[in-house]
Amino acid sequence: SFLNQYIPESLIRLLHHQAEAKLGYGTIG
């Protein structure tokens, strides 16, 4: 769904933030 919501630069930024959040919450190692 993010593909229809954000320009490429924002998509990349958002994916990085998602990865950081998932690491911070222990969802991923």
mmCIF file of all heavy atoms, coordinates in Angstrom:
data_MODEL
# 
_entry.id   MODEL 
# 
loop_
_atom_site.group_PDB 
_atom_site.id 
_atom_site.type_symbol 
_atom_site.label_atom_id 
_atom_site.label_alt_id 
_atom_site.label_comp_id 
_atom_site.label_asym_id 
_atom_site.label_entity_id 
_atom_site.label_seq_id 
_atom_site.pdbx_PDB_ins_code 
_atom_site.Cartn_x 
_atom_site.Cartn_y 
_atom_site.Cartn_z 
_atom_site.occupancy 
_atom_site.B_iso_or_equiv 
_atom_site.pdbx_formal_charge 
_atom_site.auth_seq_id 
_atom_site.auth_comp_id 
_atom_site.auth_asym_id 
_atom_site.auth_atom_id 
_atom_site.pdbx_PDB_model_num 
ATOM 1   N N   . SER A 1 1  ? 0.822  -1.221 0.000  1.00 0.00 ? 1  SER A N   1 
ATOM 2   C CA  . SER A 1 1  ? 0.000  0.000  0.000  1.00 0.00 ? 1  SER A CA  1 
ATOM 3   C C   . SER A 1 1  ? 0.853  1.267  0.000  1.00 0.00 ? 1  SER A C   1 
ATOM 4   O O   . SER A 1 1  ? 0.402  2.324  -0.452 1.00 0.00 ? 1  SER A O   1 
ATOM 5   C CB  . SER A 1 1  ? -0.949 0.015  1.192  1.00 0.00 ? 1  SER A CB  1 
ATOM 6   O OG  . SER A 1 1  ? -0.228 0.113  2.404  1.00 0.00 ? 1  SER A OG  1 
ATOM 7   N N   . PHE A 1 2  ? 2.092  1.167  0.483  1.00 0.00 ? 2  PHE A N   1 
ATOM 8   C CA  . PHE A 1 2  ? 2.973  2.340  0.516  1.00 0.00 ? 2  PHE A CA  1 
ATOM 9   C C   . PHE A 1 2  ? 3.332  2.825  -0.887 1.00 0.00 ? 2  PHE A C   1 
ATOM 10  O O   . PHE A 1 2  ? 3.646  3.994  -1.073 1.00 0.00 ? 2  PHE A O   1 
ATOM 11  C CB  . PHE A 1 2  ? 4.261  2.042  1.278  1.00 0.00 ? 2  PHE A CB  1 
ATOM 12  C CG  . PHE A 1 2  ? 4.083  1.865  2.759  1.00 0.00 ? 2  PHE A CG  1 
ATOM 13  C CD1 . PHE A 1 2  ? 5.141  1.438  3.534  1.00 0.00 ? 2  PHE A CD1 1 
ATOM 14  C CD2 . PHE A 1 2  ? 2.874  2.113  3.390  1.00 0.00 ? 2  PHE A CD2 1 
ATOM 15  C CE1 . PHE A 1 2  ? 5.003  1.275  4.906  1.00 0.00 ? 2  PHE A CE1 1 
ATOM 16  C CE2 . PHE A 1 2  ? 2.719  1.954  4.761  1.00 0.00 ? 2  PHE A CE2 1 
ATOM 17  C CZ  . PHE A 1 2  ? 3.797  1.530  5.522  1.00 0.00 ? 2  PHE A CZ  1 
ATOM 18  N N   . LEU A 1 3  ? 3.294  1.930  -1.872 1.00 0.00 ? 3  LEU A N   1 
ATOM 19  C CA  . LEU A 1 3  ? 3.661  2.309  -3.237 1.00 0.00 ? 3  LEU A CA  1 
ATOM 20  C C   . LEU A 1 3  ? 2.716  3.371  -3.796 1.00 0.00 ? 3  LEU A C   1 
ATOM 21  O O   . LEU A 1 3  ? 3.145  4.211  -4.592 1.00 0.00 ? 3  LEU A O   1 
ATOM 22  C CB  . LEU A 1 3  ? 3.667  1.081  -4.153 1.00 0.00 ? 3  LEU A CB  1 
ATOM 23  C CG  . LEU A 1 3  ? 4.726  0.027  -3.840 1.00 0.00 ? 3  LEU A CG  1 
ATOM 24  C CD1 . LEU A 1 3  ? 4.519  -1.194 -4.721 1.00 0.00 ? 3  LEU A CD1 1 
ATOM 25  C CD2 . LEU A 1 3  ? 6.128  0.592  -3.997 1.00 0.00 ? 3  LEU A CD2 1 
ATOM 26  N N   . ASN A 1 4  ? 1.466  3.336  -3.382 1.00 0.00 ? 4  ASN A N   1 
ATOM 27  C CA  . ASN A 1 4  ? 0.481  4.310  -3.864 1.00 0.00 ? 4  ASN A CA  1 
ATOM 28  C C   . ASN A 1 4  ? 0.364  5.525  -2.957 1.00 0.00 ? 4  ASN A C   1 
ATOM 29  O O   . ASN A 1 4  ? -0.467 6.399  -3.207 1.00 0.00 ? 4  ASN A O   1 
ATOM 30  C CB  . ASN A 1 4  ? -0.893 3.648  -3.993 1.00 0.00 ? 4  ASN A CB  1 
ATOM 31  C CG  . ASN A 1 4  ? -0.897 2.572  -5.041 1.00 0.00 ? 4  ASN A CG  1 
ATOM 32  O OD1 . ASN A 1 4  ? -0.254 2.702  -6.068 1.00 0.00 ? 4  ASN A OD1 1 
ATOM 33  N ND2 . ASN A 1 4  ? -1.607 1.494  -4.779 1.00 0.00 ? 4  ASN A ND2 1 
ATOM 34  N N   . GLN A 1 5  ? 1.174  5.573  -1.907 1.00 0.00 ? 5  GLN A N   1 
ATOM 35  C CA  . GLN A 1 5  ? 1.052  6.654  -0.939 1.00 0.00 ? 5  GLN A CA  1 
ATOM 36  C C   . GLN A 1 5  ? 2.240  7.608  -0.902 1.00 0.00 ? 5  GLN A C   1 
ATOM 37  O O   . GLN A 1 5  ? 2.083  8.753  -0.482 1.00 0.00 ? 5  GLN A O   1 
ATOM 38  C CB  . GLN A 1 5  ? 0.868  6.073  0.467  1.00 0.00 ? 5  GLN A CB  1 
ATOM 39  C CG  . GLN A 1 5  ? -0.411 5.287  0.630  1.00 0.00 ? 5  GLN A CG  1 
ATOM 40  C CD  . GLN A 1 5  ? -0.529 4.724  2.030  1.00 0.00 ? 5  GLN A CD  1 
ATOM 41  O OE1 . GLN A 1 5  ? -0.172 5.369  3.006  1.00 0.00 ? 5  GLN A OE1 1 
ATOM 42  N NE2 . GLN A 1 5  ? -1.025 3.505  2.126  1.00 0.00 ? 5  GLN A NE2 1 
ATOM 43  N N   . TYR A 1 6  ? 3.432  7.136  -1.314 1.00 0.00 ? 6  TYR A N   1 
ATOM 44  C CA  . TYR A 1 6  ? 4.643  7.934  -1.111 1.00 0.00 ? 6  TYR A CA  1 
ATOM 45  C C   . TYR A 1 6  ? 5.527  7.973  -2.351 1.00 0.00 ? 6  TYR A C   1 
ATOM 46  O O   . TYR A 1 6  ? 5.617  7.001  -3.102 1.00 0.00 ? 6  TYR A O   1 
ATOM 47  C CB  . TYR A 1 6  ? 5.462  7.378  0.061  1.00 0.00 ? 6  TYR A CB  1 
ATOM 48  C CG  . TYR A 1 6  ? 4.670  7.309  1.333  1.00 0.00 ? 6  TYR A CG  1 
ATOM 49  C CD1 . TYR A 1 6  ? 4.181  6.105  1.816  1.00 0.00 ? 6  TYR A CD1 1 
ATOM 50  C CD2 . TYR A 1 6  ? 4.374  8.465  2.046  1.00 0.00 ? 6  TYR A CD2 1 
ATOM 51  C CE1 . TYR A 1 6  ? 3.432  6.045  2.981  1.00 0.00 ? 6  TYR A CE1 1 
ATOM 52  C CE2 . TYR A 1 6  ? 3.624  8.418  3.210  1.00 0.00 ? 6  TYR A CE2 1 
ATOM 53  C CZ  . TYR A 1 6  ? 3.155  7.201  3.671  1.00 0.00 ? 6  TYR A CZ  1 
ATOM 54  O OH  . TYR A 1 6  ? 2.414  7.148  4.815  1.00 0.00 ? 6  TYR A OH  1 
ATOM 55  N N   . ILE A 1 7  ? 6.229  9.101  -2.515 1.00 0.00 ? 7  ILE A N   1 
ATOM 56  C CA  . ILE A 1 7  ? 7.225  9.210  -3.573 1.00 0.00 ? 7  ILE A CA  1 
ATOM 57  C C   . ILE A 1 7  ? 8.425  8.322  -3.199 1.00 0.00 ? 7  ILE A C   1 
ATOM 58  O O   . ILE A 1 7  ? 8.567  7.930  -2.037 1.00 0.00 ? 7  ILE A O   1 
ATOM 59  C CB  . ILE A 1 7  ? 7.656  10.677 -3.797 1.00 0.00 ? 7  ILE A CB  1 
ATOM 60  C CG1 . ILE A 1 7  ? 8.381  11.231 -2.563 1.00 0.00 ? 7  ILE A CG1 1 
ATOM 61  C CG2 . ILE A 1 7  ? 6.459  11.546 -4.195 1.00 0.00 ? 7  ILE A CG2 1 
ATOM 62  C CD1 . ILE A 1 7  ? 9.045  12.584 -2.790 1.00 0.00 ? 7  ILE A CD1 1 
ATOM 63  N N   . PRO A 1 8  ? 9.283  7.990  -4.163 1.00 0.00 ? 8  PRO A N   1 
ATOM 64  C CA  . PRO A 1 8  ? 10.389 7.067  -3.888 1.00 0.00 ? 8  PRO A CA  1 
ATOM 65  C C   . PRO A 1 8  ? 11.271 7.442  -2.688 1.00 0.00 ? 8  PRO A C   1 
ATOM 66  O O   . PRO A 1 8  ? 11.605 6.580  -1.867 1.00 0.00 ? 8  PRO A O   1 
ATOM 67  C CB  . PRO A 1 8  ? 11.196 7.079  -5.188 1.00 0.00 ? 8  PRO A CB  1 
ATOM 68  C CG  . PRO A 1 8  ? 10.168 7.354  -6.243 1.00 0.00 ? 8  PRO A CG  1 
ATOM 69  C CD  . PRO A 1 8  ? 9.217  8.328  -5.598 1.00 0.00 ? 8  PRO A CD  1 
ATOM 70  N N   . GLU A 1 9  ? 11.638 8.710  -2.562 1.00 0.00 ? 9  GLU A N   1 
ATOM 71  C CA  . GLU A 1 9  ? 12.505 9.121  -1.456 1.00 0.00 ? 9  GLU A CA  1 
ATOM 72  C C   . GLU A 1 9  ? 11.833 8.853  -0.109 1.00 0.00 ? 9  GLU A C   1 
ATOM 73  O O   . GLU A 1 9  ? 12.471 8.391  0.837  1.00 0.00 ? 9  GLU A O   1 
ATOM 74  C CB  . GLU A 1 9  ? 12.873 10.603 -1.572 1.00 0.00 ? 9  GLU A CB  1 
ATOM 75  C CG  . GLU A 1 9  ? 13.769 10.936 -2.744 1.00 0.00 ? 9  GLU A CG  1 
ATOM 76  C CD  . GLU A 1 9  ? 12.997 11.172 -4.060 1.00 0.00 ? 9  GLU A CD  1 
ATOM 77  O OE1 . GLU A 1 9  ? 11.766 10.957 -4.106 1.00 0.00 ? 9  GLU A OE1 1 
ATOM 78  O OE2 . GLU A 1 9  ? 13.657 11.548 -5.044 1.00 0.00 ? 9  GLU A OE2 1 
ATOM 79  N N   . SER A 1 10 ? 10.553 9.160  -0.032 1.00 0.00 ? 10 SER A N   1 
ATOM 80  C CA  . SER A 1 10 ? 9.816  8.941  1.215  1.00 0.00 ? 10 SER A CA  1 
ATOM 81  C C   . SER A 1 10 ? 9.617  7.451  1.485  1.00 0.00 ? 10 SER A C   1 
ATOM 82  O O   . SER A 1 10 ? 9.660  7.013  2.633  1.00 0.00 ? 10 SER A O   1 
ATOM 83  C CB  . SER A 1 10 ? 8.464  9.655  1.165  1.00 0.00 ? 10 SER A CB  1 
ATOM 84  O OG  . SER A 1 10 ? 8.665  11.051 1.154  1.00 0.00 ? 10 SER A OG  1 
ATOM 85  N N   . LEU A 1 11 ? 9.393  6.680  0.436  1.00 0.00 ? 11 LEU A N   1 
ATOM 86  C CA  . LEU A 1 11 ? 9.257  5.235  0.592  1.00 0.00 ? 11 LEU A CA  1 
ATOM 87  C C   . LEU A 1 11 ? 10.523 4.634  1.204  1.00 0.00 ? 11 LEU A C   1 
ATOM 88  O O   . LEU A 1 11 ? 10.446 3.850  2.157  1.00 0.00 ? 11 LEU A O   1 
ATOM 89  C CB  . LEU A 1 11 ? 8.961  4.575  -0.760 1.00 0.00 ? 11 LEU A CB  1 
ATOM 90  C CG  . LEU A 1 11 ? 8.882  3.055  -0.747 1.00 0.00 ? 11 LEU A CG  1 
ATOM 91  C CD1 . LEU A 1 11 ? 7.677  2.572  0.035  1.00 0.00 ? 11 LEU A CD1 1 
ATOM 92  C CD2 . LEU A 1 11 ? 8.848  2.518  -2.182 1.00 0.00 ? 11 LEU A CD2 1 
ATOM 93  N N   . ILE A 1 12 ? 11.661 5.027  0.699  1.00 0.00 ? 12 ILE A N   1 
ATOM 94  C CA  . ILE A 1 12 ? 12.937 4.518  1.232  1.00 0.00 ? 12 ILE A CA  1 
ATOM 95  C C   . ILE A 1 12 ? 13.097 4.935  2.687  1.00 0.00 ? 12 ILE A C   1 
ATOM 96  O O   . ILE A 1 12 ? 13.452 4.123  3.548  1.00 0.00 ? 12 ILE A O   1 
ATOM 97  C CB  . ILE A 1 12 ? 14.127 5.018  0.372  1.00 0.00 ? 12 ILE A CB  1 
ATOM 98  C CG1 . ILE A 1 12 ? 14.053 4.420  -1.045 1.00 0.00 ? 12 ILE A CG1 1 
ATOM 99  C CG2 . ILE A 1 12 ? 15.458 4.704  1.047  1.00 0.00 ? 12 ILE A CG2 1 
ATOM 100 C CD1 . ILE A 1 12 ? 14.109 2.909  -1.117 1.00 0.00 ? 12 ILE A CD1 1 
ATOM 101 N N   . ARG A 1 13 ? 12.834 6.191  2.991  1.00 0.00 ? 13 ARG A N   1 
ATOM 102 C CA  . ARG A 1 13 ? 12.939 6.689  4.364  1.00 0.00 ? 13 ARG A CA  1 
ATOM 103 C C   . ARG A 1 13 ? 12.003 5.903  5.290  1.00 0.00 ? 13 ARG A C   1 
ATOM 104 O O   . ARG A 1 13 ? 12.387 5.492  6.386  1.00 0.00 ? 13 ARG A O   1 
ATOM 105 C CB  . ARG A 1 13 ? 12.607 8.186  4.397  1.00 0.00 ? 13 ARG A CB  1 
ATOM 106 C CG  . ARG A 1 13 ? 12.920 8.851  5.717  1.00 0.00 ? 13 ARG A CG  1 
ATOM 107 C CD  . ARG A 1 13 ? 12.722 10.375 5.684  1.00 0.00 ? 13 ARG A CD  1 
ATOM 108 N NE  . ARG A 1 13 ? 13.311 10.994 4.514  1.00 0.00 ? 13 ARG A NE  1 
ATOM 109 C CZ  . ARG A 1 13 ? 12.616 11.653 3.578  1.00 0.00 ? 13 ARG A CZ  1 
ATOM 110 N NH1 . ARG A 1 13 ? 11.306 11.770 3.676  1.00 0.00 ? 13 ARG A NH1 1 
ATOM 111 N NH2 . ARG A 1 13 ? 13.218 12.196 2.547  1.00 0.00 ? 13 ARG A NH2 1 
ATOM 112 N N   . LEU A 1 14 ? 10.785 5.683  4.819  1.00 0.00 ? 14 LEU A N   1 
ATOM 113 C CA  . LEU A 1 14 ? 9.796  4.952  5.607  1.00 0.00 ? 14 LEU A CA  1 
ATOM 114 C C   . LEU A 1 14 ? 10.228 3.506  5.852  1.00 0.00 ? 14 LEU A C   1 
ATOM 115 O O   . LEU A 1 14 ? 10.085 2.992  6.969  1.00 0.00 ? 14 LEU A O   1 
ATOM 116 C CB  . LEU A 1 14 ? 8.440  4.988  4.893  1.00 0.00 ? 14 LEU A CB  1 
ATOM 117 C CG  . LEU A 1 14 ? 7.264  4.358  5.601  1.00 0.00 ? 14 LEU A CG  1 
ATOM 118 C CD1 . LEU A 1 14 ? 6.995  5.072  6.929  1.00 0.00 ? 14 LEU A CD1 1 
ATOM 119 C CD2 . LEU A 1 14 ? 6.039  4.413  4.730  1.00 0.00 ? 14 LEU A CD2 1 
ATOM 120 N N   . LEU A 1 15 ? 10.766 2.852  4.837  1.00 0.00 ? 15 LEU A N   1 
ATOM 121 C CA  . LEU A 1 15 ? 11.239 1.475  5.015  1.00 0.00 ? 15 LEU A CA  1 
ATOM 122 C C   . LEU A 1 15 ? 12.382 1.414  6.029  1.00 0.00 ? 15 LEU A C   1 
ATOM 123 O O   . LEU A 1 15 ? 12.427 0.496  6.857  1.00 0.00 ? 15 LEU A O   1 
ATOM 124 C CB  . LEU A 1 15 ? 11.670 0.878  3.673  1.00 0.00 ? 15 LEU A CB  1 
ATOM 125 C CG  . LEU A 1 15 ? 10.536 0.598  2.683  1.00 0.00 ? 15 LEU A CG  1 
ATOM 126 C CD1 . LEU A 1 15 ? 11.104 0.195  1.331  1.00 0.00 ? 15 LEU A CD1 1 
ATOM 127 C CD2 . LEU A 1 15 ? 9.586  -0.468 3.219  1.00 0.00 ? 15 LEU A CD2 1 
ATOM 128 N N   . HIS A 1 16 ? 13.293 2.380  5.971  1.00 0.00 ? 16 HIS A N   1 
ATOM 129 C CA  . HIS A 1 16 ? 14.374 2.431  6.972  1.00 0.00 ? 16 HIS A CA  1 
ATOM 130 C C   . HIS A 1 16 ? 13.791 2.612  8.375  1.00 0.00 ? 16 HIS A C   1 
ATOM 131 O O   . HIS A 1 16 ? 14.217 1.942  9.314  1.00 0.00 ? 16 HIS A O   1 
ATOM 132 C CB  . HIS A 1 16 ? 15.364 3.552  6.655  1.00 0.00 ? 16 HIS A CB  1 
ATOM 133 C CG  . HIS A 1 16 ? 16.449 3.165  5.713  1.00 0.00 ? 16 HIS A CG  1 
ATOM 134 N ND1 . HIS A 1 16 ? 17.330 2.134  5.952  1.00 0.00 ? 16 HIS A ND1 1 
ATOM 135 C CD2 . HIS A 1 16 ? 16.811 3.679  4.513  1.00 0.00 ? 16 HIS A CD2 1 
ATOM 136 C CE1 . HIS A 1 16 ? 18.181 2.026  4.951  1.00 0.00 ? 16 HIS A CE1 1 
ATOM 137 N NE2 . HIS A 1 16 ? 17.881 2.952  4.055  1.00 0.00 ? 16 HIS A NE2 1 
ATOM 138 N N   . HIS A 1 17 ? 12.829 3.501  8.508  1.00 0.00 ? 17 HIS A N   1 
ATOM 139 C CA  . HIS A 1 17 ? 12.219 3.735  9.823  1.00 0.00 ? 17 HIS A CA  1 
ATOM 140 C C   . HIS A 1 17 ? 11.474 2.497  10.313 1.00 0.00 ? 17 HIS A C   1 
ATOM 141 O O   . HIS A 1 17 ? 11.509 2.187  11.515 1.00 0.00 ? 17 HIS A O   1 
ATOM 142 C CB  . HIS A 1 17 ? 11.287 4.943  9.774  1.00 0.00 ? 17 HIS A CB  1 
ATOM 143 C CG  . HIS A 1 17 ? 12.011 6.232  9.567  1.00 0.00 ? 17 HIS A CG  1 
ATOM 144 N ND1 . HIS A 1 17 ? 11.405 7.339  9.018  1.00 0.00 ? 17 HIS A ND1 1 
ATOM 145 C CD2 . HIS A 1 17 ? 13.292 6.595  9.812  1.00 0.00 ? 17 HIS A CD2 1 
ATOM 146 C CE1 . HIS A 1 17 ? 12.291 8.322  8.948  1.00 0.00 ? 17 HIS A CE1 1 
ATOM 147 N NE2 . HIS A 1 17 ? 13.437 7.893  9.418  1.00 0.00 ? 17 HIS A NE2 1 
ATOM 148 N N   . GLN A 1 18 ? 10.826 1.791  9.406  1.00 0.00 ? 18 GLN A N   1 
ATOM 149 C CA  . GLN A 1 18 ? 10.139 0.553  9.779  1.00 0.00 ? 18 GLN A CA  1 
ATOM 150 C C   . GLN A 1 18 ? 11.138 -0.484 10.291 1.00 0.00 ? 18 GLN A C   1 
ATOM 151 O O   . GLN A 1 18 ? 10.888 -1.153 11.296 1.00 0.00 ? 18 GLN A O   1 
ATOM 152 C CB  . GLN A 1 18 ? 9.368  -0.019 8.577  1.00 0.00 ? 18 GLN A CB  1 
ATOM 153 C CG  . GLN A 1 18 ? 8.149  0.774  8.196  1.00 0.00 ? 18 GLN A CG  1 
ATOM 154 C CD  . GLN A 1 18 ? 7.049  0.630  9.227  1.00 0.00 ? 18 GLN A CD  1 
ATOM 155 O OE1 . GLN A 1 18 ? 6.654  -0.468 9.581  1.00 0.00 ? 18 GLN A OE1 1 
ATOM 156 N NE2 . GLN A 1 18 ? 6.551  1.747  9.715  1.00 0.00 ? 18 GLN A NE2 1 
ATOM 157 N N   . ALA A 1 19 ? 12.264 -0.615 9.601  1.00 0.00 ? 19 ALA A N   1 
ATOM 158 C CA  . ALA A 1 19 ? 13.294 -1.571 10.014 1.00 0.00 ? 19 ALA A CA  1 
ATOM 159 C C   . ALA A 1 19 ? 13.834 -1.210 11.395 1.00 0.00 ? 19 ALA A C   1 
ATOM 160 O O   . ALA A 1 19 ? 13.998 -2.085 12.260 1.00 0.00 ? 19 ALA A O   1 
ATOM 161 C CB  . ALA A 1 19 ? 14.423 -1.605 8.985  1.00 0.00 ? 19 ALA A CB  1 
ATOM 162 N N   . GLU A 1 20 ? 14.104 0.074  11.620 1.00 0.00 ? 20 GLU A N   1 
ATOM 163 C CA  . GLU A 1 20 ? 14.615 0.520  12.915 1.00 0.00 ? 20 GLU A CA  1 
ATOM 164 C C   . GLU A 1 20 ? 13.599 0.266  14.024 1.00 0.00 ? 20 GLU A C   1 
ATOM 165 O O   . GLU A 1 20 ? 13.960 -0.196 15.119 1.00 0.00 ? 20 GLU A O   1 
ATOM 166 C CB  . GLU A 1 20 ? 14.969 2.005  12.854 1.00 0.00 ? 20 GLU A CB  1 
ATOM 167 C CG  . GLU A 1 20 ? 16.163 2.300  11.979 1.00 0.00 ? 20 GLU A CG  1 
ATOM 168 C CD  . GLU A 1 20 ? 16.343 3.779  11.686 1.00 0.00 ? 20 GLU A CD  1 
ATOM 169 O OE1 . GLU A 1 20 ? 15.555 4.615  12.190 1.00 0.00 ? 20 GLU A OE1 1 
ATOM 170 O OE2 . GLU A 1 20 ? 17.270 4.103  10.932 1.00 0.00 ? 20 GLU A OE2 1 
ATOM 171 N N   . ALA A 1 21 ? 12.336 0.542  13.748 1.00 0.00 ? 21 ALA A N   1 
ATOM 172 C CA  . ALA A 1 21 ? 11.292 0.325  14.757 1.00 0.00 ? 21 ALA A CA  1 
ATOM 173 C C   . ALA A 1 21 ? 11.137 -1.157 15.078 1.00 0.00 ? 21 ALA A C   1 
ATOM 174 O O   . ALA A 1 21 ? 11.030 -1.548 16.254 1.00 0.00 ? 21 ALA A O   1 
ATOM 175 C CB  . ALA A 1 21 ? 9.966  0.905  14.282 1.00 0.00 ? 21 ALA A CB  1 
ATOM 176 N N   . LYS A 1 22 ? 11.154 -1.998 14.061 1.00 0.00 ? 22 LYS A N   1 
ATOM 177 C CA  . LYS A 1 22 ? 11.014 -3.436 14.283 1.00 0.00 ? 22 LYS A CA  1 
ATOM 178 C C   . LYS A 1 22 ? 12.201 -3.987 15.069 1.00 0.00 ? 22 LYS A C   1 
ATOM 179 O O   . LYS A 1 22 ? 12.035 -4.851 15.928 1.00 0.00 ? 22 LYS A O   1 
ATOM 180 C CB  . LYS A 1 22 ? 10.837 -4.168 12.962 1.00 0.00 ? 22 LYS A CB  1 
ATOM 181 C CG  . LYS A 1 22 ? 9.439  -3.972 12.393 1.00 0.00 ? 22 LYS A CG  1 
ATOM 182 C CD  . LYS A 1 22 ? 9.284  -4.682 11.069 1.00 0.00 ? 22 LYS A CD  1 
ATOM 183 C CE  . LYS A 1 22 ? 7.869  -4.537 10.561 1.00 0.00 ? 22 LYS A CE  1 
ATOM 184 N NZ  . LYS A 1 22 ? 6.940  -5.478 11.184 1.00 0.00 ? 22 LYS A NZ  1 
ATOM 185 N N   . LEU A 1 23 ? 13.379 -3.475 14.816 1.00 0.00 ? 23 LEU A N   1 
ATOM 186 C CA  . LEU A 1 23 ? 14.547 -3.884 15.591 1.00 0.00 ? 23 LEU A CA  1 
ATOM 187 C C   . LEU A 1 23 ? 14.399 -3.408 17.029 1.00 0.00 ? 23 LEU A C   1 
ATOM 188 O O   . LEU A 1 23 ? 14.630 -4.173 17.971 1.00 0.00 ? 23 LEU A O   1 
ATOM 189 C CB  . LEU A 1 23 ? 15.834 -3.318 14.978 1.00 0.00 ? 23 LEU A CB  1 
ATOM 190 C CG  . LEU A 1 23 ? 17.122 -3.624 15.739 1.00 0.00 ? 23 LEU A CG  1 
ATOM 191 C CD1 . LEU A 1 23 ? 17.411 -5.119 15.755 1.00 0.00 ? 23 LEU A CD1 1 
ATOM 192 C CD2 . LEU A 1 23 ? 18.285 -2.850 15.135 1.00 0.00 ? 23 LEU A CD2 1 
ATOM 193 N N   . GLY A 1 24 ? 13.992 -2.180 17.202 1.00 0.00 ? 24 GLY A N   1 
ATOM 194 C CA  . GLY A 1 24 ? 13.836 -1.599 18.535 1.00 0.00 ? 24 GLY A CA  1 
ATOM 195 C C   . GLY A 1 24 ? 12.819 -2.336 19.389 1.00 0.00 ? 24 GLY A C   1 
ATOM 196 O O   . GLY A 1 24 ? 12.990 -2.471 20.597 1.00 0.00 ? 24 GLY A O   1 
ATOM 197 N N   . TYR A 1 25 ? 11.765 -2.823 18.757 1.00 0.00 ? 25 TYR A N   1 
ATOM 198 C CA  . TYR A 1 25 ? 10.730 -3.556 19.489 1.00 0.00 ? 25 TYR A CA  1 
ATOM 199 C C   . TYR A 1 25 ? 11.020 -5.053 19.577 1.00 0.00 ? 25 TYR A C   1 
ATOM 200 O O   . TYR A 1 25 ? 10.245 -5.795 20.176 1.00 0.00 ? 25 TYR A O   1 
ATOM 201 C CB  . TYR A 1 25 ? 9.360  -3.345 18.846 1.00 0.00 ? 25 TYR A CB  1 
ATOM 202 C CG  . TYR A 1 25 ? 8.756  -2.017 19.193 1.00 0.00 ? 25 TYR A CG  1 
ATOM 203 C CD1 . TYR A 1 25 ? 8.607  -1.025 18.237 1.00 0.00 ? 25 TYR A CD1 1 
ATOM 204 C CD2 . TYR A 1 25 ? 8.345  -1.736 20.490 1.00 0.00 ? 25 TYR A CD2 1 
ATOM 205 C CE1 . TYR A 1 25 ? 8.054  0.204  18.555 1.00 0.00 ? 25 TYR A CE1 1 
ATOM 206 C CE2 . TYR A 1 25 ? 7.795  -0.504 20.824 1.00 0.00 ? 25 TYR A CE2 1 
ATOM 207 C CZ  . TYR A 1 25 ? 7.647  0.453  19.851 1.00 0.00 ? 25 TYR A CZ  1 
ATOM 208 O OH  . TYR A 1 25 ? 7.103  1.668  20.169 1.00 0.00 ? 25 TYR A OH  1 
ATOM 209 N N   . GLY A 1 26 ? 12.103 -5.488 18.950 1.00 0.00 ? 26 GLY A N   1 
ATOM 210 C CA  . GLY A 1 26 ? 12.454 -6.896 19.006 1.00 0.00 ? 26 GLY A CA  1 
ATOM 211 C C   . GLY A 1 26 ? 11.657 -7.776 18.053 1.00 0.00 ? 26 GLY A C   1 
ATOM 212 O O   . GLY A 1 26 ? 11.702 -8.995 18.155 1.00 0.00 ? 26 GLY A O   1 
ATOM 213 N N   . THR A 1 27 ? 10.938 -7.163 17.124 1.00 0.00 ? 27 THR A N   1 
ATOM 214 C CA  . THR A 1 27 ? 10.180 -7.928 16.137 1.00 0.00 ? 27 THR A CA  1 
ATOM 215 C C   . THR A 1 27 ? 11.120 -8.648 15.183 1.00 0.00 ? 27 THR A C   1 
ATOM 216 O O   . THR A 1 27 ? 10.810 -9.739 14.715 1.00 0.00 ? 27 THR A O   1 
ATOM 217 C CB  . THR A 1 27 ? 9.232  -7.002 15.339 1.00 0.00 ? 27 THR A CB  1 
ATOM 218 O OG1 . THR A 1 27 ? 8.447  -6.259 16.268 1.00 0.00 ? 27 THR A OG1 1 
ATOM 219 C CG2 . THR A 1 27 ? 8.330  -7.782 14.419 1.00 0.00 ? 27 THR A CG2 1 
ATOM 220 N N   . ILE A 1 28 ? 12.238 -8.012 14.881 1.00 0.00 ? 28 ILE A N   1 
ATOM 221 C CA  . ILE A 1 28 ? 13.292 -8.640 14.086 1.00 0.00 ? 28 ILE A CA  1 
ATOM 222 C C   . ILE A 1 28 ? 14.598 -8.517 14.864 1.00 0.00 ? 28 ILE A C   1 
ATOM 223 O O   . ILE A 1 28 ? 14.759 -7.625 15.692 1.00 0.00 ? 28 ILE A O   1 
ATOM 224 C CB  . ILE A 1 28 ? 13.444 -8.009 12.678 1.00 0.00 ? 28 ILE A CB  1 
ATOM 225 C CG1 . ILE A 1 28 ? 13.832 -6.529 12.763 1.00 0.00 ? 28 ILE A CG1 1 
ATOM 226 C CG2 . ILE A 1 28 ? 12.191 -8.219 11.853 1.00 0.00 ? 28 ILE A CG2 1 
ATOM 227 C CD1 . ILE A 1 28 ? 14.203 -5.896 11.431 1.00 0.00 ? 28 ILE A CD1 1 
ATOM 228 N N   . GLY A 1 29 ? 15.513 -9.415 14.569 1.00 0.00 ? 29 GLY A N   1 
ATOM 229 C CA  . GLY A 1 29 ? 16.819 -9.379 15.207 1.00 0.00 ? 29 GLY A CA  1 
ATOM 230 C C   . GLY A 1 29 ? 17.818 -8.598 14.383 1.00 0.00 ? 29 GLY A C   1 
ATOM 231 O O   . GLY A 1 29 ? 17.521 -8.157 13.259 1.00 0.00 ? 29 GLY A O   1 
# 
